[in-house]
C-alpha atoms as a PDB file:
ATOM      1  CA  ILE A   1      84.758  58.240 149.281  1.00  0.00           C
ATOM      2  CA  GLY A   2      81.720  56.898 149.514  1.00  0.00           C
ATOM      3  CA  GLU A   3      78.384  58.162 151.634  1.00  0.00           C
ATOM      4  CA  GLN A   4      79.110  59.552 155.232  1.00  0.00           C
ATOM      5  CA  GLY A   5      82.570  59.587 154.013  1.00  0.00           C
ATOM      6  CA  CYS A   6      83.098  56.377 154.907  1.00  0.00           C
ATOM      7  CA  PRO A   7      85.702  54.619 151.920  1.00  0.00           C
ATOM      8  CA  SER A   8      84.187  52.814 148.740  1.00  0.00           C
ATOM      9  CA  THR A   9      84.175  49.484 148.069  1.00  0.00           C
ATOM     10  CA  PRO A  10      85.321  48.196 144.888  1.00  0.00           C
ATOM     11  CA  ALA A  11      81.836  48.336 143.784  1.00  0.00           C
ATOM     12  CA  ASP A  12      81.425  51.769 144.776  1.00  0.00           C
ATOM     13  CA  ARG A  13      84.317  52.995 142.680  1.00  0.00           C
ATOM     14  CA  THR A  14      83.969  54.697 139.301  1.00  0.00           C
ATOM     15  CA  ILE A  15      87.599  54.338 137.301  1.00  0.00           C
ATOM     16  CA  VAL A  16      88.232  57.078 135.611  1.00  0.00           C
ATOM     17  CA  PRO A  17      91.237  56.761 132.718  1.00  0.00           C
ATOM     18  CA  ILE A  18      94.131  59.172 133.220  1.00  0.00           C
ATOM     19  CA  THR A  19      93.532  60.760 129.344  1.00  0.00           C
ATOM     20  CA  LYS A  20      94.909  64.756 129.575  1.00  0.00           C
ATOM     21  CA  PRO A  21      98.405  65.643 130.130  1.00  0.00           C
ATOM     22  CA  ALA A  22      99.683  67.023 133.713  1.00  0.00           C
ATOM     23  CA  LEU A  23     102.485  69.050 134.760  1.00  0.00           C
ATOM     24  CA  GLY A  24     102.684  68.752 138.702  1.00  0.00           C
ATOM     25  CA  ILE A  25     105.142  72.141 139.750  1.00  0.00           C
ATOM     26  CA  SER A  26     106.788  71.017 143.896  1.00  0.00           C
ATOM     27  CA  ALA A  27     109.155  72.847 145.822  1.00  0.00           C
ATOM     28  CA  ASP A  28     112.049  70.921 148.389  1.00  0.00           C
ATOM     29  CA  TYR A  29     109.966  72.662 151.776  1.00  0.00           C
ATOM     30  CA  GLY A  30     106.575  73.342 152.636  1.00  0.00           C
ATOM     31  CA  LEU A  31     104.881  76.106 155.161  1.00  0.00           C
ATOM     32  CA  PRO A  32     106.828  77.179 156.825  1.00  0.00           C
ATOM     33  CA  PRO A  33     110.174  75.548 155.116  1.00  0.00           C
ATOM     34  CA  THR A  34     111.683  73.436 157.646  1.00  0.00           C
ATOM     35  CA  PRO A  35     115.318  72.092 156.818  1.00  0.00           C
ATOM     36  CA  ASN A  36     115.849  68.637 156.054  1.00  0.00           C
ATOM     37  CA  THR A  37     117.452  66.458 159.159  1.00  0.00           C
ATOM     38  CA  SER A  38     118.605  63.599 156.942  1.00  0.00           C
ATOM     39  CA  LEU A  39     117.735  62.520 153.135  1.00  0.00           C
ATOM     40  CA  PRO A  40     114.036  62.567 151.635  1.00  0.00           C
ATOM     41  CA  ASP A  41     113.267  59.623 149.430  1.00  0.00           C
ATOM     42  CA  PRO A  42     114.375  61.415 146.170  1.00  0.00           C
ATOM     43  CA  THR A  43     110.863  59.540 144.150  1.00  0.00           C
ATOM     44  CA  LEU A  44     108.533  61.000 147.019  1.00  0.00           C
ATOM     45  CA  LYS A  45     107.441  63.673 144.384  1.00  0.00           C
ATOM     46  CA  GLU A  46     107.182  61.877 141.008  1.00  0.00           C
ATOM     47  CA  GLN A  47     104.863  59.279 142.544  1.00  0.00           C
ATOM     48  CA  GLU A  48     101.783  60.867 140.560  1.00  0.00           C
ATOM     49  CA  SER A  49     103.424  61.567 137.791  1.00  0.00           C
ATOM     50  CA  LYS A  50     104.909  58.171 137.615  1.00  0.00           C
ATOM     51  CA  VAL A  51     101.158  57.041 136.708  1.00  0.00           C
ATOM     52  CA  TYR A  52     100.563  59.081 134.192  1.00  0.00           C
ATOM     53  CA  SER A  53     103.649  57.918 132.235  1.00  0.00           C
ATOM     54  CA  GLN A  54     102.345  54.055 133.660  1.00  0.00           C
ATOM     55  CA  ALA A  55      99.017  55.092 130.855  1.00  0.00           C
ATOM     56  CA  GLY A  56     101.094  56.393 128.593  1.00  0.00           C
ATOM     57  CA  VAL A  57      99.684  60.289 128.899  1.00  0.00           C
ATOM     58  CA  ASP A  58     102.557  62.910 128.834  1.00  0.00           C
ATOM     59  CA  THR A  59     103.640  64.274 132.509  1.00  0.00           C
ATOM     60  CA  GLY A  60     106.181  66.088 134.449  1.00  0.00           C
ATOM     61  CA  GLU A  61     106.963  66.837 138.079  1.00  0.00           C
ATOM     62  CA  ILE A  62     109.108  70.196 138.377  1.00  0.00           C
ATOM     63  CA  VAL A  63     111.056  70.514 141.979  1.00  0.00           C
ATOM     64  CA  ILE A  64     112.406  73.850 142.644  1.00  0.00           C
ATOM     65  CA  ARG A  65     115.698  73.906 144.501  1.00  0.00           C
ATOM     66  CA  GLY A  66     114.714  75.643 147.764  1.00  0.00           C
ATOM     67  CA  GLY A  67     111.549  76.538 146.996  1.00  0.00           C
ATOM     68  CA  SER A  68     108.608  76.589 149.294  1.00  0.00           C
ATOM     69  CA  HIS A  69     104.384  76.820 149.145  1.00  0.00           C
ATOM     70  CA  LEU A  70     105.236  80.822 148.957  1.00  0.00           C
ATOM     71  CA  ASP A  71     106.703  80.609 145.690  1.00  0.00           C
ATOM     72  CA  PHE A  72     103.320  79.772 144.079  1.00  0.00           C
ATOM     73  CA  SER A  73     102.004  82.877 145.626  1.00  0.00           C
ATOM     74  CA  PHE A  74     104.528  85.555 144.587  1.00  0.00           C
ATOM     75  CA  ILE A  75     103.537  88.125 147.518  1.00  0.00           C
ATOM     76  CA  PRO A  76     105.131  90.939 147.112  1.00  0.00           C
ATOM     77  CA  ASN A  77     106.201  91.230 150.842  1.00  0.00           C
ATOM     78  CA  GLN A  78     109.206  90.318 153.080  1.00  0.00           C
ATOM     79  CA  ALA A  79     107.548  88.745 155.644  1.00  0.00           C
ATOM     80  CA  PHE A  80     106.492  86.169 152.638  1.00  0.00           C
ATOM     81  CA  GLY A  81     109.913  85.207 151.358  1.00  0.00           C
ATOM     82  CA  ALA A  82     110.421  82.898 148.613  1.00  0.00           C
ATOM     83  CA  SER A  83     113.359  81.976 146.754  1.00  0.00           C
ATOM     84  CA  LEU A  84     114.654  84.211 144.267  1.00  0.00           C
ATOM     85  CA  ARG A  85     113.982  81.665 140.694  1.00  0.00           C
ATOM     86  CA  GLY A  86     111.013  79.780 141.302  1.00  0.00           C
ATOM     87  CA  PRO A  87     108.486  82.049 139.965  1.00  0.00           C
ATOM     88  CA  ASP A  88     110.514  82.671 137.450  1.00  0.00           C
ATOM     89  CA  ILE A  89     110.506  78.366 136.670  1.00  0.00           C
ATOM     90  CA  THR A  90     106.722  78.204 137.815  1.00  0.00           C
ATOM     91  CA  ASP A  91     105.789  80.693 135.283  1.00  0.00           C
ATOM     92  CA  TRP A  92     108.199  79.119 132.631  1.00  0.00           C
ATOM     93  CA  TYR A  93     107.167  75.414 132.961  1.00  0.00           C
ATOM     94  CA  THR A  94     103.606  76.601 132.881  1.00  0.00           C
ATOM     95  CA  THR A  95     103.187  78.877 130.122  1.00  0.00           C
ATOM     96  CA  ALA A  96     104.985  75.793 128.043  1.00  0.00           C
ATOM     97  CA  TRP A  97     103.309  73.367 128.800  1.00  0.00           C
ATOM     98  CA  PHE A  98      99.902  75.759 128.160  1.00  0.00           C
ATOM     99  CA  ASP A  99     101.489  76.381 124.894  1.00  0.00           C
ATOM    100  CA  LYS A 100     102.219  72.841 124.159  1.00  0.00           C
ATOM    101  CA  TYR A 101      98.626  70.947 124.932  1.00  0.00           C
ATOM    102  CA  LEU A 102      96.087  73.837 124.970  1.00  0.00           C
ATOM    103  CA  ARG A 103      97.814  75.935 121.742  1.00  0.00           C
ATOM    104  CA  HIS A 104      99.664  73.150 119.879  1.00  0.00           C
ATOM    105  CA  GLU A 105     102.851  75.256 119.613  1.00  0.00           C
ATOM    106  CA  PRO A 106     105.678  73.303 118.573  1.00  0.00           C
ATOM    107  CA  SER A 107     107.747  76.238 120.127  1.00  0.00           C
ATOM    108  CA  ALA A 108     107.082  74.777 123.139  1.00  0.00           C
ATOM    109  CA  ASP A 109     108.995  71.840 122.599  1.00  0.00           C
ATOM    110  CA  PRO A 110     112.452  73.580 122.838  1.00  0.00           C
ATOM    111  CA  ARG A 111     111.086  75.483 126.068  1.00  0.00           C
ATOM    112  CA  LEU A 112     109.966  72.654 127.588  1.00  0.00           C
ATOM    113  CA  LEU A 113     113.649  70.702 126.812  1.00  0.00           C
ATOM    114  CA  THR A 114     115.644  73.487 127.814  1.00  0.00           C
ATOM    115  CA  GLU A 115     119.128  73.316 129.801  1.00  0.00           C
ATOM    116  CA  ARG A 116     118.140  77.061 131.088  1.00  0.00           C
ATOM    117  CA  TRP A 117     117.308  75.903 134.300  1.00  0.00           C
ATOM    118  CA  ARG A 118     120.579  73.269 135.031  1.00  0.00           C
ATOM    119  CA  GLY A 119     122.336  76.676 134.526  1.00  0.00           C
ATOM    120  CA  ASP A 120     121.436  79.976 135.013  1.00  0.00           C
ATOM    121  CA  PRO A 121     123.297  82.851 136.098  1.00  0.00           C
ATOM    122  CA  VAL A 122     121.218  84.316 138.549  1.00  0.00           C
ATOM    123  CA  GLU A 123     120.574  81.838 140.264  1.00  0.00           C
ATOM    124  CA  ALA A 124     124.305  81.269 140.247  1.00  0.00           C
ATOM    125  CA  GLY A 125     125.187  84.806 141.225  1.00  0.00           C
ATOM    126  CA  VAL A 126     123.631  84.148 144.898  1.00  0.00           C
ATOM    127  CA  ASP A 127     124.379  81.071 144.832  1.00  0.00           C
ATOM    128  CA  ARG A 128     127.911  81.193 147.532  1.00  0.00           C
ATOM    129  CA  ASN A 129     128.903  77.710 145.740  1.00  0.00           C
ATOM    130  CA  HIS A 130     127.972  79.833 142.647  1.00  0.00           C
ATOM    131  CA  ASP A 131     125.285  76.958 141.412  1.00  0.00           C
ATOM    132  CA  GLY A 132     123.052  77.773 138.490  1.00  0.00           C
ATOM    133  CA  ASN A 133     121.172  74.444 138.601  1.00  0.00           C
ATOM    134  CA  GLY A 134     117.012  75.515 139.991  1.00  0.00           C
ATOM    135  CA  PHE A 135     115.765  71.790 139.746  1.00  0.00           C
ATOM    136  CA  SER A 136     116.380  70.405 143.476  1.00  0.00           C
ATOM    137  CA  PHE A 137     118.541  68.410 144.417  1.00  0.00           C
ATOM    138  CA  TYR A 138     116.692  66.649 147.346  1.00  0.00           C
ATOM    139  CA  TYR A 139     114.483  65.176 144.739  1.00  0.00           C
ATOM    140  CA  TYR A 140     113.981  63.805 140.797  1.00  0.00           C
ATOM    141  CA  SER A 141     112.257  66.770 138.502  1.00  0.00           C
ATOM    142  CA  ARG A 142     111.365  64.360 135.647  1.00  0.00           C
ATOM    143  CA  LEU A 143     109.220  65.091 132.259  1.00  0.00           C
ATOM    144  CA  ASP A 144     108.460  62.610 129.677  1.00  0.00           C
ATOM    145  CA  ILE A 145     106.212  64.348 126.860  1.00  0.00           C
ATOM    146  CA  HIS A 146     105.555  63.095 123.267  1.00  0.00           C
ATOM    147  CA  LEU A 147     107.091  66.111 120.815  1.00  0.00           C
ATOM    148  CA  SER A 148     105.913  67.911 118.060  1.00  0.00           C
ATOM    149  CA  ASN A 149     107.736  65.504 115.512  1.00  0.00           C
ATOM    150  CA  GLY A 150     106.377  62.487 116.266  1.00  0.00           C
ATOM    151  CA  GLY A 151     109.533  61.190 118.664  1.00  0.00           C
ATOM    152  CA  HIS A 152     109.449  60.719 122.524  1.00  0.00           C
ATOM    153  CA  TRP A 153     111.634  62.363 124.952  1.00  0.00           C
ATOM    154  CA  ASP A 154     111.745  60.504 129.117  1.00  0.00           C
ATOM    155  CA  CYS A 155     114.532  62.872 131.161  1.00  0.00           C
ATOM    156  CA  GLU A 156     113.889  60.767 134.393  1.00  0.00           C
ATOM    157  CA  ASP A 157     116.227  63.438 136.352  1.00  0.00           C
ATOM    158  CA  LEU A 158     116.586  67.213 134.814  1.00  0.00           C
ATOM    159  CA  ARG A 159     118.817  68.075 137.544  1.00  0.00           C
ATOM    160  CA  ASP A 160     121.509  66.253 136.308  1.00  0.00           C
ATOM    161  CA  GLY A 161     120.503  66.636 132.259  1.00  0.00           C
ATOM    162  CA  CYS A 162     119.451  63.445 129.894  1.00  0.00           C
ATOM    163  CA  PRO A 163     119.903  63.962 125.547  1.00  0.00           C
ATOM    164  CA  GLY A 164     118.288  66.124 123.644  1.00  0.00           C
ATOM    165  CA  MET A 165     118.248  68.677 126.238  1.00  0.00           C
ATOM    166  CA  VAL A 166     118.452  72.170 124.250  1.00  0.00           C
ATOM    167  CA  ASN A 167     121.031  75.440 124.662  1.00  0.00           C
ATOM    168  CA  ASN A 168     118.642  76.963 121.886  1.00  0.00           C
ATOM    169  CA  ASP A 169     115.222  77.307 123.776  1.00  0.00           C
ATOM    170  CA  GLY A 170     113.864  80.530 121.355  1.00  0.00           C
ATOM    171  CA  TYR A 171     113.922  82.854 124.258  1.00  0.00           C
ATOM    172  CA  PRO A 172     116.709  85.214 124.148  1.00  0.00           C
ATOM    173  CA  GLY A 173     118.343  86.541 127.735  1.00  0.00           C
ATOM    174  CA  SER A 174     117.334  86.370 130.961  1.00  0.00           C
ATOM    175  CA  TYR A 175     113.863  85.134 131.927  1.00  0.00           C
ATOM    176  CA  SER A 176     111.651  87.441 134.069  1.00  0.00           C
ATOM    177  CA  TYR A 177     108.483  86.500 135.946  1.00  0.00           C
ATOM    178  CA  ILE A 178     108.392  90.097 137.410  1.00  0.00           C
ATOM    179  CA  THR A 179     109.362  91.854 133.865  1.00  0.00           C
ATOM    180  CA  ILE A 180     106.825  89.710 132.024  1.00  0.00           C
ATOM    181  CA  ASP A 181     104.167  90.831 134.424  1.00  0.00           C
ATOM    182  CA  THR A 182     104.901  94.468 134.489  1.00  0.00           C
ATOM    183  CA  THR A 183     105.072  95.416 131.061  1.00  0.00           C
ATOM    184  CA  PRO A 184     102.692  96.771 129.212  1.00  0.00           C
ATOM    185  CA  ASP A 185      99.575  95.276 127.444  1.00  0.00           C
ATOM    186  CA  ALA A 186      99.822  95.273 124.056  1.00  0.00           C
ATOM    187  CA  LEU A 187      97.279  94.685 120.971  1.00  0.00           C
ATOM    188  CA  THR A 188      99.550  91.924 119.499  1.00  0.00           C
ATOM    189  CA  GLY A 189     101.682  89.142 121.707  1.00  0.00           C
ATOM    190  CA  PRO A 190     102.042  88.316 125.268  1.00  0.00           C
ATOM    191  CA  GLY A 191      99.117  90.880 127.172  1.00  0.00           C
ATOM    192  CA  ALA A 192      95.620  91.219 127.746  1.00  0.00           C
ATOM    193  CA  GLY A 193      94.462  92.216 124.527  1.00  0.00           C
ATOM    194  CA  ILE A 194      92.844  95.969 123.754  1.00  0.00           C
ATOM    195  CA  ARG A 195      89.556  96.277 122.937  1.00  0.00           C
ATOM    196  CA  ALA A 196      88.468  96.662 119.263  1.00  0.00           C
ATOM    197  CA  GLY A 197      87.395 100.330 118.703  1.00  0.00           C
ATOM    198  CA  SER A 198      89.916 101.845 120.927  1.00  0.00           C
ATOM    199  CA  GLY A 199      91.669 103.817 117.169  1.00  0.00           C
ATOM    200  CA  LEU A 200      95.025 101.931 118.876  1.00  0.00           C
ATOM    201  CA  THR A 201      96.600  99.828 116.433  1.00  0.00           C
ATOM    202  CA  PRO A 202     100.211  98.070 116.593  1.00  0.00           C
ATOM    203  CA  CYS A 203     103.270  99.911 116.829  1.00  0.00           C
ATOM    204  CA  SER A 204     106.482  99.022 113.904  1.00  0.00           C
ATOM    205  CA  SER A 205     109.680  98.028 114.396  1.00  0.00           C
ATOM    206  CA  TRP A 206     109.955 102.340 113.115  1.00  0.00           C
ATOM    207  CA  ALA A 207     108.981 102.673 117.328  1.00  0.00           C
ATOM    208  CA  ARG A 208     111.259 101.640 118.987  1.00  0.00           C
ATOM    209  CA  ILE A 209     112.679 103.209 122.110  1.00  0.00           C
ATOM    210  CA  ILE A 210     116.329 102.567 122.328  1.00  0.00           C
ATOM    211  CA  VAL A 211     118.566 104.105 124.575  1.00  0.00           C
ATOM    212  CA  ARG A 212     122.178 103.776 124.582  1.00  0.00           C
ATOM    213  CA  TRP A 213     125.780 105.384 127.020  1.00  0.00           C
ATOM    214  CA  PRO A 214     128.760 105.244 125.830  1.00  0.00           C
ATOM    215  CA  HIS A 215     131.732 103.052 126.365  1.00  0.00           C
ATOM    216  CA  ARG A 216     133.116 103.087 130.290  1.00  0.00           C
ATOM    217  CA  ARG A 217     136.789 101.608 130.525  1.00  0.00           C
ATOM    218  CA  GLY A 218     137.281  99.446 133.377  1.00  0.00           C
ATOM    219  CA  ARG A 219     133.225  99.942 134.383  1.00  0.00           C
ATOM    220  CA  PRO A 220     131.365  97.430 131.997  1.00  0.00           C
ATOM    221  CA  ILE A 221     127.273  97.794 132.275  1.00  0.00           C
ATOM    222  CA  THR A 222     126.337  94.244 133.582  1.00  0.00           C
ATOM    223  CA  ARG A 223     122.354  95.390 134.537  1.00  0.00           C
ATOM    224  CA  VAL A 224     120.124  97.706 132.732  1.00  0.00           C
ATOM    225  CA  SER A 225     116.465  98.708 134.295  1.00  0.00           C
ATOM    226  CA  VAL A 226     113.683 100.375 132.176  1.00  0.00           C
ATOM    227  CA  TYR A 227     110.789 102.003 133.952  1.00  0.00           C
ATOM    228  CA  ILE A 228     108.214 104.161 132.236  1.00  0.00           C
ATOM    229  CA  ASP A 229     105.755 106.255 134.172  1.00  0.00           C
ATOM    230  CA  ARG A 230     107.822 104.690 137.402  1.00  0.00           C
ATOM    231  CA  ARG A 231     106.708 101.281 135.894  1.00  0.00           C
ATOM    232  CA  LEU A 232     109.495  98.407 136.125  1.00  0.00           C
ATOM    233  CA  VAL A 233     108.901  97.502 132.447  1.00  0.00           C
ATOM    234  CA  LEU A 234     112.239  95.930 131.357  1.00  0.00           C
ATOM    235  CA  SER A 235     114.986  94.199 132.777  1.00  0.00           C
ATOM    236  CA  ARG A 236     118.618  93.004 131.499  1.00  0.00           C
ATOM    237  CA  ARG A 237     121.685  91.279 132.319  1.00  0.00           C
ATOM    238  CA  GLY A 238     124.871  90.516 130.644  1.00  0.00           C
ATOM    239  CA  ARG A 239     128.738  91.327 130.423  1.00  0.00           C
ATOM    240  CA  SER A 240     128.752  94.663 128.801  1.00  0.00           C
ATOM    241  CA  LEU A 241     125.548  96.254 128.015  1.00  0.00           C
ATOM    242  CA  ARG A 242     125.926  99.086 125.154  1.00  0.00           C
ATOM    243  CA  SER A 243     122.581  99.741 124.646  1.00  0.00           C
ATOM    244  CA  VAL A 244     118.698  98.391 125.675  1.00  0.00           C
ATOM    245  CA  SER A 245     116.091  98.547 123.622  1.00  0.00           C
ATOM    246  CA  ILE A 246     112.204  98.292 124.466  1.00  0.00           C
ATOM    247  CA  THR A 247     109.238  97.942 121.947  1.00  0.00           C
ATOM    248  CA  GLY A 248     106.964 101.196 120.745  1.00  0.00           C
ATOM    249  CA  LEU A 249     104.115 102.420 123.875  1.00  0.00           C
ATOM    250  CA  PRO A 250     100.851 101.423 121.877  1.00  0.00           C
ATOM    251  CA  GLY A 251      98.278 104.546 122.220  1.00  0.00           C
ATOM    252  CA  ASN A 252      99.330 108.273 121.683  1.00  0.00           C
ATOM    253  CA  GLY A 253      99.848 109.915 125.286  1.00  0.00           C
ATOM    254  CA  ARG A 254     102.874 111.106 126.958  1.00  0.00           C
ATOM    255  CA  HIS A 255     105.080 108.813 129.468  1.00  0.00           C
ATOM    256  CA  HIS A 256     108.275 109.447 131.445  1.00  0.00           C
ATOM    257  CA  LEU A 257     110.978 106.806 130.656  1.00  0.00           C
ATOM    258  CA  ARG A 258     114.005 106.378 132.939  1.00  0.00           C
ATOM    259  CA  VAL A 259     117.042 103.754 132.237  1.00  0.00           C
ATOM    260  CA  LEU A 260     119.311 103.159 135.597  1.00  0.00           C
ATOM    261  CA  ALA A 261     122.571 101.181 134.140  1.00  0.00           C
ATOM    262  CA  TYR A 262     124.371  99.179 136.929  1.00  0.00           C
ATOM    263  CA  SER A 263     127.792  97.672 136.696  1.00  0.00           C
ATOM    264  CA  HIS A 264     128.944  95.829 139.809  1.00  0.00           C
ATOM    265  CA  ARG A 265     125.972  96.677 141.632  1.00  0.00           C
ATOM    266  CA  ARG A 266     126.253 100.771 141.194  1.00  0.00           C
ATOM    267  CA  VAL A 267     124.237 103.192 139.488  1.00  0.00           C
ATOM    268  CA  VAL A 268     126.641 104.461 136.768  1.00  0.00           C
ATOM    269  CA  ALA A 269     124.240 105.846 134.025  1.00  0.00           C
ATOM    270  CA  ARG A 270     120.753 107.686 134.379  1.00  0.00           C
ATOM    271  CA  THR A 271     118.946 108.613 131.367  1.00  0.00           C
ATOM    272  CA  THR A 272     115.242 110.475 131.644  1.00  0.00           C
ATOM    273  CA  ARG A 273     113.283 111.694 128.714  1.00  0.00           C
ATOM    274  CA  THR A 274     110.120 111.810 127.598  1.00  0.00           C
ATOM    275  CA  VAL A 275     108.662 109.330 124.745  1.00  0.00           C
ATOM    276  CA  TYR A 276     105.290 109.842 123.252  1.00  0.00           C
ATOM    277  CA  GLY A 277     103.320 106.138 121.977  1.00  0.00           C
ATOM    278  CA  CYS A 278     103.295 105.450 118.675  1.00  0.00           C
ATOM    279  CA  ASN A 279     100.192 106.811 117.479  1.00  0.00           C
ATOM    280  CA  HIS A 280     101.150 110.165 118.751  1.00  0.00           C
ATOM    281  CA  ARG A 281     104.078 109.977 115.960  1.00  0.00           C
ATOM    282  CA  ARG A 282     102.133 108.206 113.112  1.00  0.00           C
ATOM    283  CA  ALA A 283      98.998 111.413 113.148  1.00  0.00           C
ATOM    284  CA  HIS A 284     102.082 113.878 113.471  1.00  0.00           C
ATOM    285  CA  ARG A 285     103.552 112.181 110.901  1.00  0.00           C
ATOM    286  CA  ARG A 286     100.191 112.050 108.836  1.00  0.00           C
ATOM    287  CA  ALA A 287      99.631 116.180 109.858  1.00  0.00           C
ATOM    288  CA  ARG A 288     102.699 117.213 108.351  1.00  0.00           C
ATOM    289  CA  LYS A 289     101.578 115.492 104.803  1.00  0.00           C
END
């Protein structure tokens, strides 16, 4: 656009080459979500990504099935509804993309090539047709990237899948944006670092907190929620869970732990206990010496 808001002429236009990788994440609907009355052009939302591919630059476009603009807001209010897994898919691909192109981590490749979102059990559990595929069936989702081993991977329809996609993406269990966002920060790993001089040190593996419950015949535990000081810090799902483990808590304070175990959507076991930060245990052991 030239001066006065008038379209620029070729002489006024400066061509900026495409050189930086770009990932787009979109959804089936806008705001407010309006149902489709006919099949849209499936290539409509991948056009910008295609331009990057034509320039030889890594790119992708992820389109969330049933999602809307509110999938990217995550407002905890029922009046601002979003799809169930849209925020998780958004967080997954954004984190993997930044890890790959900003931190240059080879572990980001399998997370981008994952089969996880084509058969997500959480998605399948709420879909009336038990479809666990989180990619849009109206629009194509694509990735066109170079891998850390020197190879090149191009998938033009992630919903249908492509050769080279992997089941072992390096992340165990079900991925949850809420769990990550509400997990207390730590000295190491994800989360904001604790400033130097706090006197806190990372918790060793011995400081892990493990809660077990007896086997219940005919009523397997399929979901577990862990709360620390009334704050949800961990959620696990499985066919028959027998225990849950969380990392040690930093500091030396006292905390209230509550674990709810579910079977067929009903709470069948409750565990409450007082736990201390790993520094409390370390200081206690030093005092005994």
